[in-house]
């Protein structure tokens, strides 16, 4: 089954799907599995220092000969080091978040890398196009982890109308219906995170995966907007305490202290009560833990069936 778009050509992949660069989750094993299955796997730069990511780049090249990428969070104190690693190790694709990638774009492009920033609005998407980026990821607030304000249904068509470079949709995509909808809204590829956490190749703790599989459609909450750092995750004791601090207008330092290290506790240690189970609203659509290859192929098979069925409605 072939799914050709401008993104599959630019990235050298079979399926127009990217695995999100999730901190403490997007390991070489998971990223390689996604790339080997025909998508694009990403390593998570997050807040990791140079030596950690350098080792992960070396490791993923042992696991796959397919294209892969590195996600760099630009507010990290190690962002400059990781930006230089992209060039030093000829990383083929770089995605960015939480900051302005413009200081590094020329360096990456001169080395042949494909540059794809994550953006929250059509205005910023246009700016990134003008700076020479190859594509953008527009992420709706349905996504897990750090989010913007706009929802996917409005954000994707707004960005699609504003730019001419390819658009990747993210936020709330975890089955054939949502995948098909993303393409109808103007995307040429999708980025998924939550559904790949619930994969056999993901090395996150089984408690973390099960929390996603067991989630219902009202099980996530976005907190931290007061501090201009909204984060979505599955409701638990930690989120309720953080929400209470936010409602009481507690100092950010108190809020930050309670949240510190919580994602690692959930994803690596399995503490889904006082840890941060960052996951999107699409958790409600994830029903089981499957191999990455089955996830990707299933998404596109379902999407094709949905599109064919709905086409009958418009062809009457």
C-alpha atoms as a PDB file:
ATOM      1  CA  UNK A   1       0.000   0.000   0.000  1.00  0.00           C
ATOM      2  CA  UNK A   2       1.589   3.289  -1.097  1.00  0.00           C
ATOM      3  CA  UNK A   3       0.813   6.674   0.431  1.00  0.00           C
ATOM      4  CA  UNK A   4       2.803   9.274  -1.494  1.00  0.00           C
ATOM      5  CA  UNK A   5       2.801  12.927  -0.475  1.00  0.00           C
ATOM      6  CA  UNK A   6       5.397  15.666  -0.672  1.00  0.00           C
ATOM      7  CA  UNK A   7       6.466  14.659   2.835  1.00  0.00           C
ATOM      8  CA  UNK A   8       7.155  11.038   1.953  1.00  0.00           C
ATOM      9  CA  UNK A   9       9.364  12.273  -0.881  1.00  0.00           C
ATOM     10  CA  UNK A  10      11.186  14.873   1.227  1.00  0.00           C
ATOM     11  CA  UNK A  11      11.761  12.516   4.163  1.00  0.00           C
ATOM     12  CA  UNK A  12      12.356   9.325   2.188  1.00  0.00           C
ATOM     13  CA  UNK A  13       9.659   7.357   4.006  1.00  0.00           C
ATOM     14  CA  UNK A  14       6.820   5.046   2.920  1.00  0.00           C
ATOM     15  CA  UNK A  15       4.027   6.261   5.190  1.00  0.00           C
ATOM     16  CA  UNK A  16       3.420   9.969   5.896  1.00  0.00           C
ATOM     17  CA  UNK A  17       3.622   9.527   9.663  1.00  0.00           C
ATOM     18  CA  UNK A  18       6.106  10.821  12.220  1.00  0.00           C
ATOM     19  CA  UNK A  19       6.543   9.576  15.775  1.00  0.00           C
ATOM     20  CA  UNK A  20       6.643  12.461  18.245  1.00  0.00           C
ATOM     21  CA  UNK A  21       9.899  13.302  20.015  1.00  0.00           C
ATOM     22  CA  UNK A  22       8.553  12.576  23.505  1.00  0.00           C
ATOM     23  CA  UNK A  23      10.875  13.136  26.454  1.00  0.00           C
ATOM     24  CA  UNK A  24      11.761   9.931  28.360  1.00  0.00           C
ATOM     25  CA  UNK A  25       9.859   7.956  25.691  1.00  0.00           C
ATOM     26  CA  UNK A  26      11.354   8.523  22.221  1.00  0.00           C
ATOM     27  CA  UNK A  27      14.322   6.175  22.560  1.00  0.00           C
ATOM     28  CA  UNK A  28      16.495   4.663  19.800  1.00  0.00           C
ATOM     29  CA  UNK A  29      14.519   1.411  20.020  1.00  0.00           C
ATOM     30  CA  UNK A  30      11.142   3.079  19.481  1.00  0.00           C
ATOM     31  CA  UNK A  31      12.380   5.524  16.841  1.00  0.00           C
ATOM     32  CA  UNK A  32      14.116   2.746  14.897  1.00  0.00           C
ATOM     33  CA  UNK A  33      10.967   0.615  15.004  1.00  0.00           C
ATOM     34  CA  UNK A  34       8.925   3.449  13.510  1.00  0.00           C
ATOM     35  CA  UNK A  35      11.512   4.113  10.799  1.00  0.00           C
ATOM     36  CA  UNK A  36      11.826   0.411   9.996  1.00  0.00           C
ATOM     37  CA  UNK A  37       8.033   0.202   9.657  1.00  0.00           C
ATOM     38  CA  UNK A  38       8.042   2.934   7.021  1.00  0.00           C
ATOM     39  CA  UNK A  39       7.392   6.047   9.119  1.00  0.00           C
ATOM     40  CA  UNK A  40       9.836   8.562  10.580  1.00  0.00           C
ATOM     41  CA  UNK A  41      11.154   7.867  14.061  1.00  0.00           C
ATOM     42  CA  UNK A  42      12.443  10.723  16.217  1.00  0.00           C
ATOM     43  CA  UNK A  43      14.901  10.761  19.080  1.00  0.00           C
ATOM     44  CA  UNK A  44      13.985  13.073  21.954  1.00  0.00           C
ATOM     45  CA  UNK A  45      16.594  15.727  22.709  1.00  0.00           C
ATOM     46  CA  UNK A  46      14.415  17.141  25.533  1.00  0.00           C
ATOM     47  CA  UNK A  47      16.730  18.226  28.377  1.00  0.00           C
ATOM     48  CA  UNK A  48      19.433  15.650  27.730  1.00  0.00           C
ATOM     49  CA  UNK A  49      23.110  16.650  27.500  1.00  0.00           C
ATOM     50  CA  UNK A  50      25.278  16.165  24.422  1.00  0.00           C
ATOM     51  CA  UNK A  51      26.883  12.856  25.439  1.00  0.00           C
ATOM     52  CA  UNK A  52      23.510  11.170  25.986  1.00  0.00           C
ATOM     53  CA  UNK A  53      22.132  12.176  22.583  1.00  0.00           C
ATOM     54  CA  UNK A  54      25.427  11.418  20.867  1.00  0.00           C
ATOM     55  CA  UNK A  55      25.209   7.852  22.203  1.00  0.00           C
ATOM     56  CA  UNK A  56      21.573   7.585  21.068  1.00  0.00           C
ATOM     57  CA  UNK A  57      22.438   8.706  17.528  1.00  0.00           C
ATOM     58  CA  UNK A  58      25.113   6.023  17.384  1.00  0.00           C
ATOM     59  CA  UNK A  59      22.668   3.449  18.772  1.00  0.00           C
ATOM     60  CA  UNK A  60      19.835   4.178  16.345  1.00  0.00           C
ATOM     61  CA  UNK A  61      22.218   3.783  13.413  1.00  0.00           C
ATOM     62  CA  UNK A  62      22.857   0.234  14.608  1.00  0.00           C
ATOM     63  CA  UNK A  63      19.110  -0.450  14.646  1.00  0.00           C
ATOM     64  CA  UNK A  64      18.042   1.047  11.319  1.00  0.00           C
ATOM     65  CA  UNK A  65      19.406   2.221   7.987  1.00  0.00           C
ATOM     66  CA  UNK A  66      16.211   4.203   7.355  1.00  0.00           C
ATOM     67  CA  UNK A  67      15.798   7.966   7.820  1.00  0.00           C
ATOM     68  CA  UNK A  68      15.356   9.192  11.406  1.00  0.00           C
ATOM     69  CA  UNK A  69      15.290  12.563  13.094  1.00  0.00           C
ATOM     70  CA  UNK A  70      16.208  14.404  16.275  1.00  0.00           C
ATOM     71  CA  UNK A  71      13.747  16.610  18.124  1.00  0.00           C
ATOM     72  CA  UNK A  72      15.438  19.554  19.872  1.00  0.00           C
ATOM     73  CA  UNK A  73      13.666  21.513  22.581  1.00  0.00           C
ATOM     74  CA  UNK A  74      15.216  24.943  22.118  1.00  0.00           C
ATOM     75  CA  UNK A  75      14.694  26.052  25.713  1.00  0.00           C
ATOM     76  CA  UNK A  76      17.046  23.277  26.852  1.00  0.00           C
ATOM     77  CA  UNK A  77      20.415  24.451  28.190  1.00  0.00           C
ATOM     78  CA  UNK A  78      21.953  21.910  25.820  1.00  0.00           C
ATOM     79  CA  UNK A  79      20.133  23.094  22.684  1.00  0.00           C
ATOM     80  CA  UNK A  80      23.263  24.584  21.068  1.00  0.00           C
ATOM     81  CA  UNK A  81      25.222  21.384  21.703  1.00  0.00           C
ATOM     82  CA  UNK A  82      22.472  19.265  20.152  1.00  0.00           C
ATOM     83  CA  UNK A  83      22.174  21.644  17.200  1.00  0.00           C
ATOM     84  CA  UNK A  84      25.866  21.075  16.512  1.00  0.00           C
ATOM     85  CA  UNK A  85      25.439  17.296  16.832  1.00  0.00           C
ATOM     86  CA  UNK A  86      22.971  17.416  13.935  1.00  0.00           C
ATOM     87  CA  UNK A  87      25.812  18.633  11.727  1.00  0.00           C
ATOM     88  CA  UNK A  88      28.584  16.546  13.250  1.00  0.00           C
ATOM     89  CA  UNK A  89      26.652  13.286  12.832  1.00  0.00           C
ATOM     90  CA  UNK A  90      24.767  14.185   9.628  1.00  0.00           C
ATOM     91  CA  UNK A  91      21.373  13.702  11.242  1.00  0.00           C
ATOM     92  CA  UNK A  92      19.033  13.797   8.227  1.00  0.00           C
ATOM     93  CA  UNK A  93      16.002  15.445   9.842  1.00  0.00           C
ATOM     94  CA  UNK A  94      15.617  17.832  12.766  1.00  0.00           C
ATOM     95  CA  UNK A  95      12.388  18.956  14.392  1.00  0.00           C
ATOM     96  CA  UNK A  96      12.230  21.726  16.964  1.00  0.00           C
ATOM     97  CA  UNK A  97       9.946  22.973  19.708  1.00  0.00           C
ATOM     98  CA  UNK A  98       9.802  25.440  22.598  1.00  0.00           C
ATOM     99  CA  UNK A  99      11.797  28.200  21.001  1.00  0.00           C
ATOM    100  CA  UNK A 100      13.018  29.922  17.847  1.00  0.00           C
ATOM    101  CA  UNK A 101      15.091  27.711  15.514  1.00  0.00           C
ATOM    102  CA  UNK A 102      16.261  30.575  13.290  1.00  0.00           C
ATOM    103  CA  UNK A 103      19.808  30.799  14.737  1.00  0.00           C
ATOM    104  CA  UNK A 104      20.443  27.210  13.585  1.00  0.00           C
ATOM    105  CA  UNK A 105      18.457  26.846  10.362  1.00  0.00           C
ATOM    106  CA  UNK A 106      21.243  27.889   7.955  1.00  0.00           C
ATOM    107  CA  UNK A 107      23.761  25.618   9.662  1.00  0.00           C
ATOM    108  CA  UNK A 108      21.425  22.631   9.412  1.00  0.00           C
ATOM    109  CA  UNK A 109      20.317  23.370   5.857  1.00  0.00           C
ATOM    110  CA  UNK A 110      23.890  23.869   4.671  1.00  0.00           C
ATOM    111  CA  UNK A 111      24.616  20.374   5.976  1.00  0.00           C
ATOM    112  CA  UNK A 112      21.683  18.904   4.077  1.00  0.00           C
ATOM    113  CA  UNK A 113      19.261  18.398   6.966  1.00  0.00           C
ATOM    114  CA  UNK A 114      15.498  18.709   6.592  1.00  0.00           C
ATOM    115  CA  UNK A 115      14.230  21.268   9.144  1.00  0.00           C
ATOM    116  CA  UNK A 116      10.718  20.982  10.590  1.00  0.00           C
ATOM    117  CA  UNK A 117       9.654  23.201  13.518  1.00  0.00           C
ATOM    118  CA  UNK A 118       6.564  22.542  15.628  1.00  0.00           C
ATOM    119  CA  UNK A 119       4.379  25.651  15.532  1.00  0.00           C
ATOM    120  CA  UNK A 120       1.188  26.796  17.324  1.00  0.00           C
ATOM    121  CA  UNK A 121      -0.282  29.233  14.782  1.00  0.00           C
ATOM    122  CA  UNK A 122      -0.544  30.182  11.118  1.00  0.00           C
ATOM    123  CA  UNK A 123       1.436  33.375  11.733  1.00  0.00           C
ATOM    124  CA  UNK A 124       4.444  31.514  13.081  1.00  0.00           C
ATOM    125  CA  UNK A 125       4.113  28.852  10.376  1.00  0.00           C
ATOM    126  CA  UNK A 126       4.424  31.571   7.734  1.00  0.00           C
ATOM    127  CA  UNK A 127       7.477  32.965   9.484  1.00  0.00           C
ATOM    128  CA  UNK A 128       9.122  29.548   9.501  1.00  0.00           C
ATOM    129  CA  UNK A 129       8.412  29.148   5.783  1.00  0.00           C
ATOM    130  CA  UNK A 130      10.084  32.496   5.112  1.00  0.00           C
ATOM    131  CA  UNK A 131      13.138  31.315   7.075  1.00  0.00           C
ATOM    132  CA  UNK A 132      13.604  28.342   4.750  1.00  0.00           C
ATOM    133  CA  UNK A 133      12.110  25.510   6.782  1.00  0.00           C
ATOM    134  CA  UNK A 134      11.084  22.482   4.738  1.00  0.00           C
ATOM    135  CA  UNK A 135       7.768  21.800   6.502  1.00  0.00           C
ATOM    136  CA  UNK A 136       6.013  22.537   9.792  1.00  0.00           C
ATOM    137  CA  UNK A 137       4.198  20.498  12.405  1.00  0.00           C
ATOM    138  CA  UNK A 138       0.999  22.210  13.554  1.00  0.00           C
ATOM    139  CA  UNK A 139       0.030  20.711  16.901  1.00  0.00           C
ATOM    140  CA  UNK A 140      -3.428  21.133  18.367  1.00  0.00           C
ATOM    141  CA  UNK A 141      -4.141  21.356  22.074  1.00  0.00           C
ATOM    142  CA  UNK A 142      -5.558  17.803  22.057  1.00  0.00           C
ATOM    143  CA  UNK A 143      -1.953  16.574  22.106  1.00  0.00           C
ATOM    144  CA  UNK A 144      -0.174  15.257  25.172  1.00  0.00           C
ATOM    145  CA  UNK A 145       2.629  17.071  26.959  1.00  0.00           C
ATOM    146  CA  UNK A 146       3.327  20.756  26.312  1.00  0.00           C
ATOM    147  CA  UNK A 147       0.590  22.264  24.159  1.00  0.00           C
ATOM    148  CA  UNK A 148      -0.664  25.461  22.569  1.00  0.00           C
ATOM    149  CA  UNK A 149      -4.151  26.926  22.673  1.00  0.00           C
ATOM    150  CA  UNK A 150      -5.765  26.111  19.304  1.00  0.00           C
ATOM    151  CA  UNK A 151      -7.480  22.825  18.570  1.00  0.00           C
ATOM    152  CA  UNK A 152      -6.514  20.653  15.626  1.00  0.00           C
ATOM    153  CA  UNK A 153      -9.803  21.142  13.754  1.00  0.00           C
ATOM    154  CA  UNK A 154      -9.173  24.904  13.398  1.00  0.00           C
ATOM    155  CA  UNK A 155      -5.378  25.052  13.487  1.00  0.00           C
ATOM    156  CA  UNK A 156      -4.658  22.688  10.579  1.00  0.00           C
ATOM    157  CA  UNK A 157      -6.824  24.399   7.916  1.00  0.00           C
ATOM    158  CA  UNK A 158      -5.655  27.822   9.127  1.00  0.00           C
ATOM    159  CA  UNK A 159      -2.013  26.856   8.655  1.00  0.00           C
ATOM    160  CA  UNK A 160      -2.722  25.034   5.372  1.00  0.00           C
ATOM    161  CA  UNK A 161      -4.129  28.237   3.900  1.00  0.00           C
ATOM    162  CA  UNK A 162      -1.187  30.328   5.117  1.00  0.00           C
ATOM    163  CA  UNK A 163       1.794  28.344   3.766  1.00  0.00           C
ATOM    164  CA  UNK A 164       2.931  26.560   0.639  1.00  0.00           C
ATOM    165  CA  UNK A 165       5.402  24.170   2.275  1.00  0.00           C
ATOM    166  CA  UNK A 166       4.098  20.798   3.500  1.00  0.00           C
ATOM    167  CA  UNK A 167       2.084  20.660   6.710  1.00  0.00           C
ATOM    168  CA  UNK A 168       2.175  17.891   9.312  1.00  0.00           C
ATOM    169  CA  UNK A 169      -0.828  17.637  11.640  1.00  0.00           C
ATOM    170  CA  UNK A 170      -0.501  16.636  15.284  1.00  0.00           C
ATOM    171  CA  UNK A 171      -2.859  16.406  18.232  1.00  0.00           C
ATOM    172  CA  UNK A 172      -5.683  13.915  18.691  1.00  0.00           C
ATOM    173  CA  UNK A 173      -4.669  11.478  15.923  1.00  0.00           C
ATOM    174  CA  UNK A 174      -4.807   7.813  16.919  1.00  0.00           C
ATOM    175  CA  UNK A 175      -7.153   5.928  14.600  1.00  0.00           C
ATOM    176  CA  UNK A 176      -8.185   5.786  10.959  1.00  0.00           C
ATOM    177  CA  UNK A 177     -10.922   8.394  11.307  1.00  0.00           C
ATOM    178  CA  UNK A 178      -8.667  11.021  12.883  1.00  0.00           C
ATOM    179  CA  UNK A 179      -5.872  10.238  10.427  1.00  0.00           C
ATOM    180  CA  UNK A 180      -8.205  10.697   7.459  1.00  0.00           C
ATOM    181  CA  UNK A 181      -9.587  13.899   8.987  1.00  0.00           C
ATOM    182  CA  UNK A 182      -6.082  15.374   9.280  1.00  0.00           C
ATOM    183  CA  UNK A 183      -5.518  14.911   5.557  1.00  0.00           C
ATOM    184  CA  UNK A 184      -8.936  16.360   4.735  1.00  0.00           C
ATOM    185  CA  UNK A 185      -8.045  19.430   6.798  1.00  0.00           C
ATOM    186  CA  UNK A 186      -4.951  20.076   4.700  1.00  0.00           C
ATOM    187  CA  UNK A 187      -2.117  18.006   6.166  1.00  0.00           C
ATOM    188  CA  UNK A 188       0.316  15.968   4.066  1.00  0.00           C
ATOM    189  CA  UNK A 189       1.486  13.874   7.005  1.00  0.00           C
ATOM    190  CA  UNK A 190       0.683  13.356  10.663  1.00  0.00           C
ATOM    191  CA  UNK A 191       2.706  13.256  13.843  1.00  0.00           C
ATOM    192  CA  UNK A 192       1.545  10.888  16.576  1.00  0.00           C
ATOM    193  CA  UNK A 193       2.781  10.406  20.102  1.00  0.00           C
ATOM    194  CA  UNK A 194       0.262   8.814  22.434  1.00  0.00           C
ATOM    195  CA  UNK A 195      -0.465   5.806  20.232  1.00  0.00           C
ATOM    196  CA  UNK A 196       3.263   5.023  19.944  1.00  0.00           C
ATOM    197  CA  UNK A 197       3.642   5.020  23.723  1.00  0.00           C
ATOM    198  CA  UNK A 198       1.211   2.096  23.642  1.00  0.00           C
ATOM    199  CA  UNK A 199       3.502   0.038  21.419  1.00  0.00           C
ATOM    200  CA  UNK A 200       5.487  -3.083  22.193  1.00  0.00           C
ATOM    201  CA  UNK A 201       8.738  -1.403  21.195  1.00  0.00           C
ATOM    202  CA  UNK A 202       8.231   1.593  23.490  1.00  0.00           C
ATOM    203  CA  UNK A 203      10.405   1.148  26.581  1.00  0.00           C
ATOM    204  CA  UNK A 204       8.145   3.096  28.914  1.00  0.00           C
ATOM    205  CA  UNK A 205       6.857   1.313  32.005  1.00  0.00           C
ATOM    206  CA  UNK A 206       3.860  -0.973  31.477  1.00  0.00           C
ATOM    207  CA  UNK A 207       1.876   1.088  34.018  1.00  0.00           C
ATOM    208  CA  UNK A 208       2.333   4.142  31.794  1.00  0.00           C
ATOM    209  CA  UNK A 209       1.110   2.229  28.738  1.00  0.00           C
ATOM    210  CA  UNK A 210      -1.842   0.730  30.594  1.00  0.00           C
ATOM    211  CA  UNK A 211      -2.914   4.158  31.842  1.00  0.00           C
ATOM    212  CA  UNK A 212      -3.310   5.186  28.198  1.00  0.00           C
ATOM    213  CA  UNK A 213      -5.095   2.003  27.127  1.00  0.00           C
ATOM    214  CA  UNK A 214      -7.527   2.266  30.037  1.00  0.00           C
ATOM    215  CA  UNK A 215      -8.272   5.986  29.570  1.00  0.00           C
ATOM    216  CA  UNK A 216     -11.746   7.225  28.655  1.00  0.00           C
ATOM    217  CA  UNK A 217     -12.629  10.326  26.650  1.00  0.00           C
ATOM    218  CA  UNK A 218     -12.669  12.597  29.710  1.00  0.00           C
ATOM    219  CA  UNK A 219      -9.509  11.276  31.350  1.00  0.00           C
ATOM    220  CA  UNK A 220      -7.024  13.998  30.416  1.00  0.00           C
ATOM    221  CA  UNK A 221      -6.596  17.508  31.746  1.00  0.00           C
ATOM    222  CA  UNK A 222      -4.493  20.482  30.672  1.00  0.00           C
ATOM    223  CA  UNK A 223      -2.858  22.361  33.531  1.00  0.00           C
ATOM    224  CA  UNK A 224      -0.352  25.188  33.823  1.00  0.00           C
ATOM    225  CA  UNK A 225      -2.003  27.812  31.629  1.00  0.00           C
ATOM    226  CA  UNK A 226      -1.709  30.363  34.443  1.00  0.00           C
ATOM    227  CA  UNK A 227       2.058  29.921  34.296  1.00  0.00           C
ATOM    228  CA  UNK A 228       2.032  30.106  30.456  1.00  0.00           C
ATOM    229  CA  UNK A 229       3.176  26.490  30.219  1.00  0.00           C
ATOM    230  CA  UNK A 230       0.097  24.317  29.599  1.00  0.00           C
ATOM    231  CA  UNK A 231       0.689  20.569  29.766  1.00  0.00           C
ATOM    232  CA  UNK A 232      -1.825  17.810  29.023  1.00  0.00           C
ATOM    233  CA  UNK A 233      -1.808  14.481  30.808  1.00  0.00           C
ATOM    234  CA  UNK A 234      -4.033  11.800  32.248  1.00  0.00           C
ATOM    235  CA  UNK A 235      -5.816  12.883  35.433  1.00  0.00           C
ATOM    236  CA  UNK A 236      -4.251  11.562  38.634  1.00  0.00           C
ATOM    237  CA  UNK A 237      -3.282  12.654  42.123  1.00  0.00           C
ATOM    238  CA  UNK A 238      -0.379  14.779  40.859  1.00  0.00           C
ATOM    239  CA  UNK A 239      -2.481  16.679  38.347  1.00  0.00           C
ATOM    240  CA  UNK A 240      -5.166  17.401  40.927  1.00  0.00           C
ATOM    241  CA  UNK A 241      -2.567  18.819  43.324  1.00  0.00           C
ATOM    242  CA  UNK A 242      -0.975  20.922  40.583  1.00  0.00           C
ATOM    243  CA  UNK A 243      -4.394  22.131  39.500  1.00  0.00           C
ATOM    244  CA  UNK A 244      -5.174  23.154  43.080  1.00  0.00           C
ATOM    245  CA  UNK A 245      -1.926  25.141  43.292  1.00  0.00           C
ATOM    246  CA  UNK A 246      -2.724  26.865  40.015  1.00  0.00           C
ATOM    247  CA  UNK A 247      -6.246  27.775  41.145  1.00  0.00           C
ATOM    248  CA  UNK A 248      -4.832  29.141  44.402  1.00  0.00           C
ATOM    249  CA  UNK A 249      -2.376  31.319  42.416  1.00  0.00           C
ATOM    250  CA  UNK A 250       0.573  29.691  44.162  1.00  0.00           C
ATOM    251  CA  UNK A 251       4.062  30.934  43.218  1.00  0.00           C
ATOM    252  CA  UNK A 252       5.426  29.210  40.118  1.00  0.00           C
ATOM    253  CA  UNK A 253       8.384  27.939  42.127  1.00  0.00           C
ATOM    254  CA  UNK A 254       6.048  25.917  44.348  1.00  0.00           C
ATOM    255  CA  UNK A 255       4.223  24.514  41.315  1.00  0.00           C
ATOM    256  CA  UNK A 256       7.486  23.697  39.542  1.00  0.00           C
ATOM    257  CA  UNK A 257       8.930  21.958  42.600  1.00  0.00           C
ATOM    258  CA  UNK A 258       5.952  19.594  42.791  1.00  0.00           C
ATOM    259  CA  UNK A 259       6.135  18.846  39.054  1.00  0.00           C
ATOM    260  CA  UNK A 260       9.910  18.297  38.909  1.00  0.00           C
ATOM    261  CA  UNK A 261      10.901  14.787  37.826  1.00  0.00           C
ATOM    262  CA  UNK A 262       7.294  13.654  37.558  1.00  0.00           C
ATOM    263  CA  UNK A 263       7.411  12.573  33.905  1.00  0.00           C
ATOM    264  CA  UNK A 264      10.360  10.308  34.568  1.00  0.00           C
ATOM    265  CA  UNK A 265       8.595   8.782  37.572  1.00  0.00           C
ATOM    266  CA  UNK A 266       5.637   7.843  35.417  1.00  0.00           C
ATOM    267  CA  UNK A 267       7.365   6.731  32.233  1.00  0.00           C
ATOM    268  CA  UNK A 268      10.376   4.974  33.737  1.00  0.00           C
ATOM    269  CA  UNK A 269       9.348   3.954  37.255  1.00  0.00           C
ATOM    270  CA  UNK A 270       5.670   3.300  36.609  1.00  0.00           C
ATOM    271  CA  UNK A 271       4.345   5.741  39.194  1.00  0.00           C
ATOM    272  CA  UNK A 272       1.117   6.789  37.508  1.00  0.00           C
ATOM    273  CA  UNK A 273      -0.320   8.268  40.710  1.00  0.00           C
ATOM    274  CA  UNK A 274       2.229  10.939  41.631  1.00  0.00           C
ATOM    275  CA  UNK A 275       4.022  10.900  38.266  1.00  0.00           C
ATOM    276  CA  UNK A 276       3.061  12.902  35.185  1.00  0.00           C
ATOM    277  CA  UNK A 277       1.340  10.653  32.640  1.00  0.00           C
ATOM    278  CA  UNK A 278       1.727  12.978  29.667  1.00  0.00           C
ATOM    279  CA  UNK A 279      -0.681  11.775  27.011  1.00  0.00           C
ATOM    280  CA  UNK A 280      -3.178  13.305  24.614  1.00  0.00           C
ATOM    281  CA  UNK A 281      -6.946  13.177  24.390  1.00  0.00           C
ATOM    282  CA  UNK A 282      -6.435  10.460  21.779  1.00  0.00           C
ATOM    283  CA  UNK A 283      -5.744   8.096  24.703  1.00  0.00           C
ATOM    284  CA  UNK A 284      -9.468   7.353  24.514  1.00  0.00           C
ATOM    285  CA  UNK A 285      -8.925   5.908  21.020  1.00  0.00           C
ATOM    286  CA  UNK A 286      -6.025   3.630  21.985  1.00  0.00           C
ATOM    287  CA  UNK A 287      -7.455   0.220  22.855  1.00  0.00           C
ATOM    288  CA  UNK A 288      -4.417  -2.044  23.151  1.00  0.00           C
ATOM    289  CA  UNK A 289      -0.639  -2.378  23.040  1.00  0.00           C
ATOM    290  CA  UNK A 290       0.584  -3.467  19.606  1.00  0.00           C
ATOM    291  CA  UNK A 291       3.778  -3.647  17.564  1.00  0.00           C
ATOM    292  CA  UNK A 292       4.715  -0.387  15.829  1.00  0.00           C
ATOM    293  CA  UNK A 293       4.344  -1.950  12.388  1.00  0.00           C
ATOM    294  CA  UNK A 294       0.785  -3.061  13.180  1.00  0.00           C
ATOM    295  CA  UNK A 295      -0.057   0.410  14.507  1.00  0.00           C
ATOM    296  CA  UNK A 296       1.119   2.194  11.365  1.00  0.00           C
ATOM    297  CA  UNK A 297      -0.371  -0.234   8.884  1.00  0.00           C
ATOM    298  CA  UNK A 298      -3.632  -0.329  10.852  1.00  0.00           C
ATOM    299  CA  UNK A 299      -3.971   3.444  10.890  1.00  0.00           C
ATOM    300  CA  UNK A 300      -3.638   3.756   7.135  1.00  0.00           C
ATOM    301  CA  UNK A 301      -5.824   0.746   6.355  1.00  0.00           C
ATOM    302  CA  UNK A 302      -8.560   2.166   8.594  1.00  0.00           C
ATOM    303  CA  UNK A 303      -8.183   5.624   7.071  1.00  0.00           C
ATOM    304  CA  UNK A 304      -8.451   4.253   3.539  1.00  0.00           C
ATOM    305  CA  UNK A 305     -11.624   2.356   4.445  1.00  0.00           C
ATOM    306  CA  UNK A 306     -13.160   5.449   6.058  1.00  0.00           C
ATOM    307  CA  UNK A 307     -12.364   7.657   3.062  1.00  0.00           C
ATOM    308  CA  UNK A 308     -13.773   5.118   0.611  1.00  0.00           C
ATOM    309  CA  UNK A 309     -16.947   4.774   2.641  1.00  0.00           C
ATOM    310  CA  UNK A 310     -17.498   8.525   3.027  1.00  0.00           C
ATOM    311  CA  UNK A 311     -16.714   9.120  -0.647  1.00  0.00           C
ATOM    312  CA  UNK A 312     -19.995   7.403  -1.435  1.00  0.00           C
ATOM    313  CA  UNK A 313     -21.807  10.159   0.442  1.00  0.00           C
ATOM    314  CA  UNK A 314     -20.292  12.890  -1.727  1.00  0.00           C
ATOM    315  CA  UNK A 315     -20.641  10.967  -4.970  1.00  0.00           C
ATOM    316  CA  UNK A 316     -24.399  10.478  -4.780  1.00  0.00           C
END
